Amino acid sequence: MAYNAVYSIAIRAPQQKVFDYVADVSRHGEWGSADDHMKASAEAPGTPTAGSRYKAEGMLNGKLNESVVTMTTLEPPKRLVLAAEDSNSIFIHEFLFSAAEGGTRVERHVTMSKGPFYFPIVLALFKGTVQKNYNGAMANLKTKMES
């Protein structure tokens, strides 16, 4: 059993501006779920490129969770793929950006590519909380981009 979910939102801001903001992984804590308390920093300075890596930490189930985020795909201003790996799982976050409603549609596809066999069951049991966190992050992104 795998985990897959899609979250989508329309943002009244130019596609390149939204793409550039999301591609700056060090800023994800600004718009991520408030419950996560995420912080990320680049392992090397410079403009994000495919292969860029970030040290990240956030709260997961009330505990500090450290991970490494690797930018696996960077196709401005249409597609960005991040692989977030912690001590027991890998989640792929694919962001797709397209023109919509006079601004930008952002789709976030989240897939668990590696993890304990029970993770999809846990994610299903806590589906409401998981959706609240991801939808909240997308709403935060919209607010940041439209302000």
Protein backbone atom coordinates (compact mmCIF):
# COMPACT_ATOMS: atom_id res chain seq x y z
CA MET A 1 0.00 0.00 0.00
CA ALA A 2 1.54 3.33 -1.09
CA TYR A 3 0.64 6.84 -0.10
CA ASN A 4 -0.32 9.39 -2.76
CA ALA A 5 -2.16 12.67 -2.37
CA VAL A 6 -2.69 15.82 -4.43
CA TYR A 7 -3.24 19.33 -3.08
CA SER A 8 -4.08 22.25 -5.35
CA ILE A 9 -4.69 25.98 -5.09
CA ALA A 10 -5.07 28.99 -7.37
CA ILE A 11 -2.88 31.97 -6.50
CA ARG A 12 -3.28 35.50 -7.88
CA ALA A 13 0.41 36.01 -8.61
CA PRO A 14 2.69 35.50 -11.64
CA GLN A 15 3.79 31.93 -12.27
CA GLN A 16 7.53 32.73 -12.24
CA LYS A 17 7.22 34.56 -8.91
CA VAL A 18 5.36 31.65 -7.29
CA PHE A 19 7.78 29.11 -8.76
CA ASP A 20 10.85 31.03 -7.54
CA TYR A 21 9.41 31.31 -4.03
CA VAL A 22 8.60 27.59 -3.76
CA ALA A 23 11.96 26.65 -5.30
CA ASP A 24 13.69 28.45 -2.41
CA VAL A 25 13.45 25.53 0.01
CA SER A 26 15.02 27.61 2.79
CA ARG A 27 11.75 29.63 2.80
CA HIS A 28 9.36 26.65 3.12
CA GLY A 29 9.01 27.26 6.85
CA GLU A 30 7.43 30.65 6.02
CA TRP A 31 4.41 29.00 4.40
CA GLY A 32 4.45 25.42 5.68
CA SER A 33 2.03 24.07 8.24
CA ALA A 34 2.31 25.95 11.53
CA ASP A 35 2.29 22.59 13.37
CA ASP A 36 5.48 21.50 11.58
CA HIS A 37 7.71 24.39 12.70
CA MET A 38 9.90 23.61 9.69
CA LYS A 39 13.32 25.13 9.18
CA ALA A 40 15.54 24.38 6.20
CA SER A 41 18.96 25.58 5.16
CA ALA A 42 20.99 24.91 2.03
CA GLU A 43 24.03 22.69 2.43
CA ALA A 44 25.86 24.97 -0.05
CA PRO A 45 25.19 28.64 -0.86
CA GLY A 46 23.87 29.71 -4.23
CA THR A 47 20.90 29.57 -6.54
CA PRO A 48 18.80 26.39 -6.29
CA THR A 49 19.60 23.80 -8.97
CA ALA A 50 18.76 20.16 -9.56
CA GLY A 51 20.86 18.32 -6.99
CA SER A 52 20.73 21.10 -4.36
CA ARG A 53 20.42 19.68 -0.85
CA TYR A 54 18.94 21.16 2.30
CA LYS A 55 19.09 20.19 5.93
CA ALA A 56 15.59 20.40 7.33
CA GLU A 57 13.99 19.92 10.69
CA GLY A 58 10.47 20.11 11.93
CA MET A 59 8.08 18.61 14.41
CA LEU A 60 6.46 15.26 13.67
CA ASN A 61 4.10 13.81 16.26
CA GLY A 62 5.51 16.18 18.86
CA LYS A 63 9.13 15.15 18.24
CA LEU A 64 11.98 16.81 16.37
CA ASN A 65 12.34 15.18 12.94
CA GLU A 66 15.48 15.87 10.92
CA SER A 67 15.63 15.23 7.20
CA VAL A 68 17.58 15.95 4.04
CA VAL A 69 15.67 17.52 1.17
CA THR A 70 17.12 17.04 -2.31
CA MET A 71 15.90 19.02 -5.29
CA THR A 72 15.73 16.28 -7.91
CA THR A 73 14.04 18.25 -10.70
CA LEU A 74 14.00 21.97 -11.46
CA GLU A 75 12.13 23.03 -14.61
CA PRO A 76 11.33 26.75 -14.23
CA PRO A 77 8.61 27.92 -14.12
CA LYS A 78 6.59 24.70 -14.48
CA ARG A 79 7.87 21.86 -12.32
CA LEU A 80 9.86 21.28 -9.15
CA VAL A 81 10.45 17.92 -7.45
CA LEU A 82 11.83 17.49 -3.94
CA ALA A 83 12.74 14.26 -2.16
CA ALA A 84 12.54 14.55 1.64
CA GLU A 85 14.36 11.73 3.43
CA ASP A 86 14.36 11.19 7.17
CA SER A 87 15.54 8.24 9.25
CA ASN A 88 12.76 5.91 8.06
CA SER A 89 11.02 7.30 4.98
CA ILE A 90 11.26 9.20 1.72
CA PHE A 91 8.45 11.47 0.57
CA ILE A 92 8.47 12.96 -2.93
CA HIS A 93 6.89 16.40 -3.30
CA GLU A 94 6.21 17.30 -6.93
CA PHE A 95 5.03 20.86 -7.53
CA LEU A 96 3.39 21.70 -10.86
CA PHE A 97 2.79 25.35 -11.80
CA SER A 98 0.45 26.47 -14.57
CA ALA A 99 -1.40 29.60 -15.66
CA ALA A 100 -4.92 29.72 -14.23
CA GLU A 101 -7.56 32.26 -13.28
CA GLY A 102 -5.31 35.22 -14.09
CA GLY A 103 -2.57 33.85 -11.87
CA THR A 104 -1.01 30.48 -11.08
CA ARG A 105 -2.39 27.06 -10.23
CA VAL A 106 -0.07 25.12 -7.92
CA GLU A 107 -0.52 21.37 -7.62
CA ARG A 108 1.45 19.51 -4.97
CA HIS A 109 1.67 15.76 -5.48
CA VAL A 110 2.91 13.95 -2.38
CA THR A 111 4.07 10.33 -2.67
CA MET A 112 5.74 8.09 -0.12
CA SER A 113 8.42 6.22 -2.06
CA LYS A 114 9.97 4.48 0.96
CA GLY A 115 8.80 3.89 4.47
CA PRO A 116 7.69 1.34 7.02
CA PHE A 117 4.87 -0.92 5.86
CA TYR A 118 2.50 0.63 8.39
CA PHE A 119 2.97 4.28 7.28
CA PRO A 120 0.13 4.27 4.72
CA ILE A 121 -2.17 2.87 7.40
CA VAL A 122 -1.15 5.58 9.89
CA LEU A 123 -1.55 8.26 7.21
CA ALA A 124 -5.02 6.91 6.39
CA LEU A 125 -6.01 6.89 10.08
CA PHE A 126 -4.88 10.49 10.46
CA LYS A 127 -6.06 11.57 7.01
CA GLY A 128 -7.96 14.57 8.37
CA THR A 129 -4.91 15.93 10.18
CA VAL A 130 -2.62 15.26 7.21
CA GLN A 131 -5.02 17.02 4.84
CA LYS A 132 -5.41 19.93 7.25
CA ASN A 133 -1.62 20.37 7.38
CA TYR A 134 -1.08 20.21 3.61
CA ASN A 135 -4.14 22.31 2.76
CA GLY A 136 -3.07 24.79 5.43
CA ALA A 137 0.39 25.02 3.88
CA MET A 138 -1.13 25.64 0.43
CA ALA A 139 -3.39 28.35 1.90
CA ASN A 140 -0.36 29.92 3.62
CA LEU A 141 1.50 29.90 0.28
CA LYS A 142 -1.46 31.69 -1.35
CA THR A 143 -1.52 34.31 1.42
CA LYS A 144 2.23 34.95 1.14
CA MET A 145 2.12 35.26 -2.64
CA GLU A 146 -0.95 37.49 -2.76
CA SER A 147 0.16 39.92 -0.03
